[in-house]
């Protein structure tokens, strides 16, 4: 879905045709009318959205806009790292430079944690493949590195 499609989908479900008509008229307004009309449109959108909430109905029925949540299938198959990247792709055009930098740092940290978890799993698997060492001896294949020390380091770092 294109970045702009999310905004259009929201507009489609949380507005009425009359509000859309008023939005279309904004460029043709002059003077004081032009200044007040956007505020009136926003007020009408808020009023309409609140009426939907009050009724307890979703404007989309069974089909939902999934900006804040994913379906159960998506949650099962994707990690939070994937969802964060999807969220970033949806909002990056609207971020200030410092917000974009923070978002990039967050995604980088999450990728690093994911890589650490994968490395920890790999080390555990290698340890289980070599039961002769009983987890205490150094393995020559690792250049004299004690796997237990590495495992302790990962566990201490929240892995």
N, C-alpha and C. Protein backbone atom coordinates (compact mmCIF):
# COMPACT_ATOMS: atom_id res chain seq x y z
N UNK A 1 0.85 -1.18 0.00
CA UNK A 1 0.00 0.00 0.00
C UNK A 1 0.90 1.24 0.00
N UNK A 2 0.62 2.18 -0.87
CA UNK A 2 1.39 3.42 -0.97
C UNK A 2 1.20 4.23 0.31
N UNK A 3 2.22 5.03 0.66
CA UNK A 3 2.15 5.84 1.89
C UNK A 3 0.89 6.69 1.92
N UNK A 4 0.56 7.30 0.81
CA UNK A 4 -0.60 8.19 0.75
C UNK A 4 -1.91 7.42 0.87
N UNK A 5 -1.90 6.14 0.52
CA UNK A 5 -3.12 5.32 0.59
C UNK A 5 -3.64 5.19 2.02
N UNK A 6 -2.73 5.15 3.00
CA UNK A 6 -3.17 5.05 4.40
C UNK A 6 -3.97 6.28 4.80
N UNK A 7 -3.48 7.44 4.37
CA UNK A 7 -4.17 8.69 4.68
C UNK A 7 -5.52 8.72 3.98
N UNK A 8 -5.54 8.32 2.71
CA UNK A 8 -6.80 8.30 1.97
C UNK A 8 -7.79 7.31 2.56
N UNK A 9 -7.31 6.16 3.00
CA UNK A 9 -8.20 5.17 3.61
C UNK A 9 -8.81 5.73 4.88
N UNK A 10 -8.01 6.40 5.69
CA UNK A 10 -8.53 7.00 6.92
C UNK A 10 -9.58 8.05 6.57
N UNK A 11 -9.27 8.92 5.60
CA UNK A 11 -10.23 9.94 5.18
C UNK A 11 -11.53 9.30 4.70
N UNK A 12 -11.40 8.21 3.94
CA UNK A 12 -12.59 7.57 3.39
C UNK A 12 -13.51 7.03 4.48
N UNK A 13 -12.94 6.44 5.51
CA UNK A 13 -13.77 5.80 6.53
C UNK A 13 -14.21 6.73 7.65
N UNK A 14 -13.53 7.83 7.84
CA UNK A 14 -13.86 8.72 8.96
C UNK A 14 -14.32 10.09 8.49
N UNK A 15 -14.98 10.11 7.37
CA UNK A 15 -15.55 11.36 6.87
C UNK A 15 -16.80 11.04 6.07
N UNK A 16 -17.53 12.08 5.73
CA UNK A 16 -18.74 11.90 4.91
C UNK A 16 -18.53 12.60 3.58
N UNK A 17 -19.43 12.35 2.66
CA UNK A 17 -19.35 13.02 1.35
C UNK A 17 -19.46 14.53 1.50
N UNK A 18 -20.29 14.99 2.44
CA UNK A 18 -20.45 16.43 2.63
C UNK A 18 -19.15 17.06 3.13
N UNK A 19 -18.46 16.37 3.99
CA UNK A 19 -17.17 16.87 4.48
C UNK A 19 -16.16 16.90 3.33
N UNK A 20 -16.17 15.86 2.49
CA UNK A 20 -15.27 15.83 1.34
C UNK A 20 -15.57 17.00 0.39
N UNK A 21 -16.83 17.31 0.21
CA UNK A 21 -17.20 18.45 -0.64
C UNK A 21 -16.63 19.74 -0.06
N UNK A 22 -16.79 19.91 1.25
CA UNK A 22 -16.24 21.11 1.89
C UNK A 22 -14.72 21.18 1.73
N UNK A 23 -14.04 20.05 1.85
CA UNK A 23 -12.59 20.04 1.65
C UNK A 23 -12.24 20.46 0.23
N UNK A 24 -13.03 20.01 -0.72
CA UNK A 24 -12.78 20.36 -2.12
C UNK A 24 -13.00 21.84 -2.40
N UNK A 25 -13.84 22.48 -1.60
CA UNK A 25 -14.14 23.90 -1.81
C UNK A 25 -13.10 24.83 -1.19
N UNK A 26 -12.27 24.34 -0.30
CA UNK A 26 -11.30 25.19 0.40
C UNK A 26 -10.45 26.03 -0.56
N UNK A 27 -9.89 25.46 -1.63
CA UNK A 27 -9.05 26.29 -2.52
C UNK A 27 -9.82 27.43 -3.21
N UNK A 28 -11.14 27.33 -3.28
CA UNK A 28 -11.93 28.34 -3.97
C UNK A 28 -12.42 29.45 -3.04
N UNK A 29 -12.21 29.29 -1.76
CA UNK A 29 -12.66 30.28 -0.79
C UNK A 29 -11.69 31.44 -0.73
N UNK A 30 -12.23 32.61 -0.40
CA UNK A 30 -11.39 33.80 -0.29
C UNK A 30 -11.63 34.47 1.06
N UNK A 31 -10.65 35.22 1.50
CA UNK A 31 -10.80 36.03 2.70
C UNK A 31 -10.99 35.23 3.97
N UNK A 32 -11.89 35.74 4.83
CA UNK A 32 -12.13 35.12 6.13
C UNK A 32 -12.71 33.71 6.01
N UNK A 33 -13.49 33.49 4.96
CA UNK A 33 -14.09 32.17 4.75
C UNK A 33 -13.01 31.09 4.62
N UNK A 34 -11.94 31.43 3.91
CA UNK A 34 -10.87 30.46 3.69
C UNK A 34 -10.18 30.09 5.00
N UNK A 35 -10.09 31.02 5.92
CA UNK A 35 -9.41 30.75 7.19
C UNK A 35 -10.21 29.88 8.12
N UNK A 36 -11.53 30.02 8.10
CA UNK A 36 -12.38 29.28 9.04
C UNK A 36 -12.79 27.90 8.54
N UNK A 37 -12.89 27.73 7.23
CA UNK A 37 -13.40 26.48 6.68
C UNK A 37 -12.57 25.25 7.09
N UNK A 38 -11.24 25.29 7.05
CA UNK A 38 -10.49 24.10 7.50
C UNK A 38 -10.78 23.73 8.95
N UNK A 39 -10.97 24.71 9.81
CA UNK A 39 -11.29 24.43 11.21
C UNK A 39 -12.67 23.79 11.32
N UNK A 40 -13.60 24.28 10.53
CA UNK A 40 -14.96 23.70 10.53
C UNK A 40 -14.91 22.26 10.03
N UNK A 41 -14.14 22.02 8.98
CA UNK A 41 -14.01 20.67 8.43
C UNK A 41 -13.44 19.72 9.48
N UNK A 42 -12.39 20.14 10.16
CA UNK A 42 -11.79 19.28 11.20
C UNK A 42 -12.78 19.02 12.33
N UNK A 43 -13.54 20.03 12.71
CA UNK A 43 -14.54 19.86 13.76
C UNK A 43 -15.60 18.85 13.31
N UNK A 44 -16.04 18.96 12.06
CA UNK A 44 -17.06 18.04 11.55
C UNK A 44 -16.51 16.61 11.50
N UNK A 45 -15.24 16.45 11.11
CA UNK A 45 -14.63 15.11 11.10
C UNK A 45 -14.56 14.53 12.51
N UNK A 46 -14.17 15.34 13.46
CA UNK A 46 -14.11 14.89 14.85
C UNK A 46 -15.50 14.49 15.34
N UNK A 47 -16.47 15.32 15.04
CA UNK A 47 -17.85 15.05 15.46
C UNK A 47 -18.34 13.73 14.85
N UNK A 48 -18.07 13.51 13.58
CA UNK A 48 -18.49 12.28 12.89
C UNK A 48 -17.78 11.06 13.50
N UNK A 49 -16.48 11.17 13.74
CA UNK A 49 -15.72 10.06 14.32
C UNK A 49 -16.23 9.72 15.71
N UNK A 50 -16.49 10.74 16.52
CA UNK A 50 -17.03 10.51 17.86
C UNK A 50 -18.40 9.85 17.81
N UNK A 51 -19.21 10.21 16.82
CA UNK A 51 -20.52 9.58 16.69
C UNK A 51 -20.38 8.09 16.36
N UNK A 52 -19.36 7.75 15.56
CA UNK A 52 -19.12 6.33 15.25
C UNK A 52 -18.71 5.57 16.51
N UNK A 53 -17.86 6.19 17.31
CA UNK A 53 -17.42 5.55 18.55
C UNK A 53 -18.60 5.37 19.50
N UNK A 54 -19.43 6.39 19.58
CA UNK A 54 -20.60 6.36 20.46
C UNK A 54 -21.54 5.23 20.08
N UNK A 55 -21.71 5.02 18.77
CA UNK A 55 -22.58 3.95 18.30
C UNK A 55 -21.95 2.58 18.53
N UNK A 56 -20.65 2.57 18.76
CA UNK A 56 -19.97 1.30 18.97
C UNK A 56 -19.74 0.54 17.69
N UNK A 57 -19.82 1.24 16.58
CA UNK A 57 -19.63 0.56 15.31
C UNK A 57 -18.35 1.04 14.65
N UNK A 58 -17.80 0.14 13.89
CA UNK A 58 -16.63 0.50 13.09
C UNK A 58 -17.14 0.81 11.69
N UNK A 59 -16.66 1.86 11.09
CA UNK A 59 -17.16 2.21 9.77
C UNK A 59 -16.79 1.20 8.70
N UNK A 60 -15.82 0.35 8.96
CA UNK A 60 -15.37 -0.58 7.94
C UNK A 60 -15.95 -1.98 8.10
N UNK A 61 -16.78 -2.22 9.07
CA UNK A 61 -17.33 -3.54 9.29
C UNK A 61 -16.24 -4.51 9.69
N UNK A 62 -16.15 -5.65 8.99
CA UNK A 62 -15.13 -6.64 9.31
C UNK A 62 -13.75 -6.26 8.79
N UNK A 63 -13.72 -5.42 7.78
CA UNK A 63 -12.44 -4.99 7.22
C UNK A 63 -11.98 -3.80 8.02
N UNK A 64 -10.77 -3.84 8.53
CA UNK A 64 -10.30 -2.76 9.37
C UNK A 64 -9.09 -2.06 8.81
N UNK A 65 -8.88 -0.86 9.29
CA UNK A 65 -7.65 -0.15 9.00
C UNK A 65 -6.69 -0.59 10.09
N UNK A 66 -5.58 -1.16 9.71
CA UNK A 66 -4.66 -1.74 10.68
C UNK A 66 -3.44 -0.86 10.90
N UNK A 67 -3.67 0.40 11.20
CA UNK A 67 -2.54 1.29 11.43
C UNK A 67 -1.89 1.00 12.77
N UNK A 68 -2.66 0.63 13.77
CA UNK A 68 -2.11 0.43 15.11
C UNK A 68 -2.04 -1.03 15.50
N UNK A 69 -2.71 -1.89 14.79
CA UNK A 69 -2.66 -3.30 15.16
C UNK A 69 -2.66 -4.14 13.91
N UNK A 70 -2.17 -5.34 14.06
CA UNK A 70 -2.13 -6.28 12.96
C UNK A 70 -3.05 -7.44 13.30
N UNK A 71 -3.49 -8.14 12.25
CA UNK A 71 -4.28 -9.33 12.46
C UNK A 71 -3.45 -10.39 13.15
N UNK A 72 -4.09 -11.38 13.73
CA UNK A 72 -3.38 -12.42 14.47
C UNK A 72 -2.38 -13.15 13.58
N UNK A 73 -2.74 -13.39 12.30
CA UNK A 73 -1.83 -14.08 11.40
C UNK A 73 -0.54 -13.31 11.23
N UNK A 74 -0.64 -11.98 11.06
CA UNK A 74 0.54 -11.15 10.90
C UNK A 74 1.41 -11.18 12.14
N UNK A 75 0.78 -11.18 13.32
CA UNK A 75 1.54 -11.20 14.57
C UNK A 75 2.32 -12.49 14.71
N UNK A 76 1.73 -13.60 14.22
CA UNK A 76 2.39 -14.88 14.37
C UNK A 76 3.58 -15.03 13.44
N UNK A 77 3.48 -14.44 12.24
CA UNK A 77 4.52 -14.67 11.25
C UNK A 77 5.59 -13.61 11.23
N UNK A 78 5.35 -12.45 11.79
CA UNK A 78 6.32 -11.37 11.74
C UNK A 78 6.76 -10.97 13.13
N UNK A 79 8.04 -10.64 13.22
CA UNK A 79 8.55 -10.14 14.48
C UNK A 79 8.28 -8.65 14.58
N UNK A 80 8.50 -8.12 15.77
CA UNK A 80 8.28 -6.69 15.99
C UNK A 80 9.19 -5.86 15.09
N UNK A 81 10.37 -6.40 14.75
CA UNK A 81 11.28 -5.67 13.88
C UNK A 81 10.62 -5.38 12.53
N UNK A 82 9.91 -6.38 11.99
CA UNK A 82 9.24 -6.20 10.70
C UNK A 82 8.12 -5.18 10.81
N UNK A 83 7.36 -5.23 11.90
CA UNK A 83 6.28 -4.27 12.09
C UNK A 83 6.81 -2.86 12.24
N UNK A 84 7.91 -2.69 12.96
CA UNK A 84 8.50 -1.36 13.13
C UNK A 84 8.92 -0.81 11.77
N UNK A 85 9.50 -1.65 10.93
CA UNK A 85 9.91 -1.18 9.60
C UNK A 85 8.70 -0.81 8.75
N UNK A 86 7.61 -1.57 8.87
CA UNK A 86 6.39 -1.22 8.14
C UNK A 86 5.83 0.10 8.64
N UNK A 87 5.84 0.30 9.94
CA UNK A 87 5.37 1.56 10.51
C UNK A 87 6.24 2.70 10.02
N UNK A 88 7.56 2.49 10.04
CA UNK A 88 8.48 3.53 9.56
C UNK A 88 8.17 3.88 8.11
N UNK A 89 7.98 2.86 7.26
CA UNK A 89 7.68 3.12 5.85
C UNK A 89 6.39 3.91 5.68
N UNK A 90 5.44 3.72 6.58
CA UNK A 90 4.16 4.43 6.49
C UNK A 90 4.27 5.88 6.95
N UNK A 91 5.17 6.17 7.89
CA UNK A 91 5.18 7.51 8.49
C UNK A 91 6.44 8.33 8.19
N UNK A 92 7.44 7.75 7.54
CA UNK A 92 8.72 8.44 7.41
C UNK A 92 8.63 9.80 6.73
N UNK A 93 7.69 9.97 5.82
CA UNK A 93 7.56 11.27 5.13
C UNK A 93 7.11 12.38 6.07
N UNK A 94 6.52 12.02 7.18
CA UNK A 94 5.97 13.02 8.10
C UNK A 94 6.88 13.28 9.29
N UNK A 95 8.01 12.60 9.36
CA UNK A 95 8.90 12.75 10.50
C UNK A 95 9.84 13.93 10.33
N UNK A 96 10.08 14.61 11.43
CA UNK A 96 11.11 15.65 11.45
C UNK A 96 12.47 14.95 11.40
N UNK A 97 13.52 15.64 10.97
CA UNK A 97 14.83 14.99 10.86
C UNK A 97 15.30 14.31 12.16
N UNK A 98 15.09 14.96 13.30
CA UNK A 98 15.52 14.33 14.56
C UNK A 98 14.66 13.10 14.89
N UNK A 99 13.38 13.13 14.54
CA UNK A 99 12.51 11.96 14.77
C UNK A 99 12.93 10.81 13.86
N UNK A 100 13.28 11.15 12.63
CA UNK A 100 13.71 10.11 11.69
C UNK A 100 15.01 9.46 12.18
N UNK A 101 15.91 10.28 12.71
CA UNK A 101 17.17 9.76 13.25
C UNK A 101 16.91 8.82 14.43
N UNK A 102 16.00 9.21 15.33
CA UNK A 102 15.66 8.35 16.47
C UNK A 102 15.02 7.05 16.01
N UNK A 103 14.15 7.14 15.02
CA UNK A 103 13.49 5.94 14.48
C UNK A 103 14.54 5.01 13.88
N UNK A 104 15.50 5.57 13.14
CA UNK A 104 16.56 4.75 12.55
C UNK A 104 17.40 4.08 13.63
N UNK A 105 17.70 4.81 14.69
CA UNK A 105 18.46 4.24 15.80
C UNK A 105 17.69 3.10 16.47
N UNK A 106 16.39 3.29 16.63
CA UNK A 106 15.55 2.24 17.22
C UNK A 106 15.57 0.99 16.35
N UNK A 107 15.39 1.18 15.05
CA UNK A 107 15.39 0.02 14.14
C UNK A 107 16.76 -0.67 14.15
N UNK A 108 17.82 0.10 14.20
CA UNK A 108 19.17 -0.47 14.24
C UNK A 108 19.38 -1.27 15.53
N UNK A 109 18.94 -0.73 16.65
CA UNK A 109 19.06 -1.44 17.93
C UNK A 109 18.25 -2.74 17.91
N UNK A 110 17.07 -2.69 17.32
CA UNK A 110 16.23 -3.89 17.26
C UNK A 110 16.87 -4.95 16.36
N UNK A 111 17.47 -4.52 15.24
CA UNK A 111 18.16 -5.48 14.37
C UNK A 111 19.35 -6.11 15.11
N UNK A 112 20.08 -5.29 15.87
CA UNK A 112 21.22 -5.80 16.64
C UNK A 112 20.76 -6.84 17.65
N UNK A 113 19.67 -6.57 18.36
CA UNK A 113 19.15 -7.53 19.34
C UNK A 113 18.70 -8.81 18.65
N UNK A 114 18.08 -8.68 17.49
CA UNK A 114 17.65 -9.85 16.74
C UNK A 114 18.87 -10.69 16.33
N UNK A 115 19.91 -10.02 15.86
CA UNK A 115 21.14 -10.73 15.48
C UNK A 115 21.78 -11.42 16.68
N UNK A 116 21.76 -10.76 17.83
CA UNK A 116 22.32 -11.36 19.05
C UNK A 116 21.55 -12.61 19.44
N UNK A 117 20.21 -12.55 19.34
CA UNK A 117 19.40 -13.73 19.66
C UNK A 117 19.72 -14.88 18.71
N UNK A 118 19.88 -14.56 17.42
CA UNK A 118 20.20 -15.59 16.44
C UNK A 118 21.57 -16.20 16.72
N UNK A 119 22.54 -15.35 17.08
CA UNK A 119 23.87 -15.86 17.41
C UNK A 119 23.83 -16.74 18.65
N UNK A 120 23.02 -16.34 19.64
CA UNK A 120 22.90 -17.13 20.86
C UNK A 120 22.33 -18.51 20.54
N UNK A 121 21.29 -18.54 19.69
CA UNK A 121 20.70 -19.82 19.30
C UNK A 121 21.72 -20.68 18.56
N UNK A 122 22.51 -20.04 17.71
CA UNK A 122 23.52 -20.77 16.96
C UNK A 122 24.58 -21.36 17.89
N UNK A 123 25.02 -20.57 18.86
CA UNK A 123 26.01 -21.06 19.82
C UNK A 123 25.45 -22.20 20.66
N UNK A 124 24.19 -22.10 21.06
CA UNK A 124 23.56 -23.18 21.83
C UNK A 124 23.50 -24.46 20.99
N UNK A 125 23.19 -24.29 19.70
CA UNK A 125 23.13 -25.45 18.82
C UNK A 125 24.51 -26.08 18.67
N UNK A 126 25.54 -25.25 18.47
CA UNK A 126 26.90 -25.77 18.35
C UNK A 126 27.33 -26.47 19.63
N UNK A 127 26.94 -25.93 20.75
CA UNK A 127 27.28 -26.54 22.03
C UNK A 127 26.61 -27.90 22.17
N UNK A 128 25.37 -28.00 21.71
CA UNK A 128 24.66 -29.28 21.83
C UNK A 128 25.20 -30.31 20.85
N UNK A 129 25.83 -29.87 19.76
CA UNK A 129 26.40 -30.81 18.79
C UNK A 129 27.71 -31.42 19.27
N UNK A 130 28.34 -30.80 20.23
CA UNK A 130 29.62 -31.28 20.73
C UNK A 130 29.51 -31.63 22.21
N UNK A 131 28.81 -32.73 22.53
CA UNK A 131 28.59 -33.09 23.93
C UNK A 131 29.86 -33.53 24.66
N UNK A 132 30.93 -33.88 23.91
CA UNK A 132 32.16 -34.36 24.55
C UNK A 132 32.78 -33.28 25.43
N UNK A 133 32.57 -32.03 25.08
CA UNK A 133 33.20 -30.95 25.84
C UNK A 133 32.48 -30.70 27.15
N UNK A 134 31.35 -31.27 27.37
CA UNK A 134 30.47 -31.10 28.53
C UNK A 134 30.31 -29.63 28.91
N UNK A 135 30.49 -28.75 27.92
CA UNK A 135 30.25 -27.33 28.14
C UNK A 135 31.36 -26.61 28.87
N UNK A 136 32.47 -27.31 29.21
CA UNK A 136 33.52 -26.63 29.98
C UNK A 136 34.80 -26.45 29.20
N UNK A 137 35.06 -27.28 28.22
CA UNK A 137 36.34 -27.22 27.51
C UNK A 137 36.28 -26.23 26.36
N UNK A 138 37.45 -25.72 26.02
CA UNK A 138 37.55 -24.86 24.85
C UNK A 138 37.50 -25.72 23.61
N UNK A 139 36.87 -25.22 22.56
CA UNK A 139 36.81 -25.96 21.32
C UNK A 139 37.79 -25.35 20.34
N UNK A 140 38.62 -26.19 19.76
CA UNK A 140 39.62 -25.69 18.83
C UNK A 140 39.02 -24.98 17.64
N UNK A 141 37.85 -25.41 17.21
CA UNK A 141 37.20 -24.80 16.05
C UNK A 141 36.82 -23.36 16.29
N UNK A 142 36.80 -22.94 17.53
CA UNK A 142 36.45 -21.55 17.85
C UNK A 142 37.68 -20.74 18.22
N UNK A 143 38.86 -21.22 17.88
CA UNK A 143 40.08 -20.47 18.14
C UNK A 143 40.36 -20.29 19.61
N UNK A 144 40.02 -21.25 20.44
CA UNK A 144 40.29 -21.15 21.87
C UNK A 144 39.29 -20.32 22.64
N UNK A 145 38.19 -19.95 22.02
CA UNK A 145 37.16 -19.14 22.70
C UNK A 145 36.26 -20.08 23.48
N UNK A 146 36.01 -19.74 24.72
CA UNK A 146 35.14 -20.54 25.57
C UNK A 146 33.68 -20.18 25.27
N UNK A 147 32.93 -21.14 24.78
CA UNK A 147 31.54 -20.91 24.42
C UNK A 147 30.73 -20.48 25.63
N UNK A 148 31.03 -21.04 26.80
CA UNK A 148 30.29 -20.67 28.01
C UNK A 148 30.43 -19.19 28.32
N UNK A 149 31.64 -18.64 28.12
CA UNK A 149 31.83 -17.21 28.36
C UNK A 149 30.97 -16.38 27.42
N UNK A 150 30.92 -16.80 26.18
CA UNK A 150 30.10 -16.08 25.19
C UNK A 150 28.63 -16.17 25.58
N UNK A 151 28.19 -17.36 26.00
CA UNK A 151 26.80 -17.54 26.40
C UNK A 151 26.47 -16.66 27.60
N UNK A 152 27.37 -16.59 28.57
CA UNK A 152 27.15 -15.73 29.73
C UNK A 152 27.03 -14.27 29.31
N UNK A 153 27.88 -13.85 28.38
CA UNK A 153 27.83 -12.48 27.91
C UNK A 153 26.47 -12.18 27.27
N UNK A 154 25.98 -13.10 26.43
CA UNK A 154 24.67 -12.90 25.81
C UNK A 154 23.56 -12.85 26.84
N UNK A 155 23.62 -13.74 27.81
CA UNK A 155 22.58 -13.77 28.85
C UNK A 155 22.59 -12.50 29.69
N UNK A 156 23.77 -11.97 29.96
CA UNK A 156 23.87 -10.73 30.74
C UNK A 156 23.34 -9.54 29.96
N UNK A 157 23.43 -9.60 28.63
CA UNK A 157 22.97 -8.49 27.80
C UNK A 157 21.51 -8.64 27.39
N UNK A 158 20.78 -9.48 28.06
CA UNK A 158 19.35 -9.60 27.82
C UNK A 158 18.98 -10.50 26.67
N UNK A 159 19.87 -11.34 26.20
CA UNK A 159 19.61 -12.20 25.05
C UNK A 159 18.87 -13.38 25.37
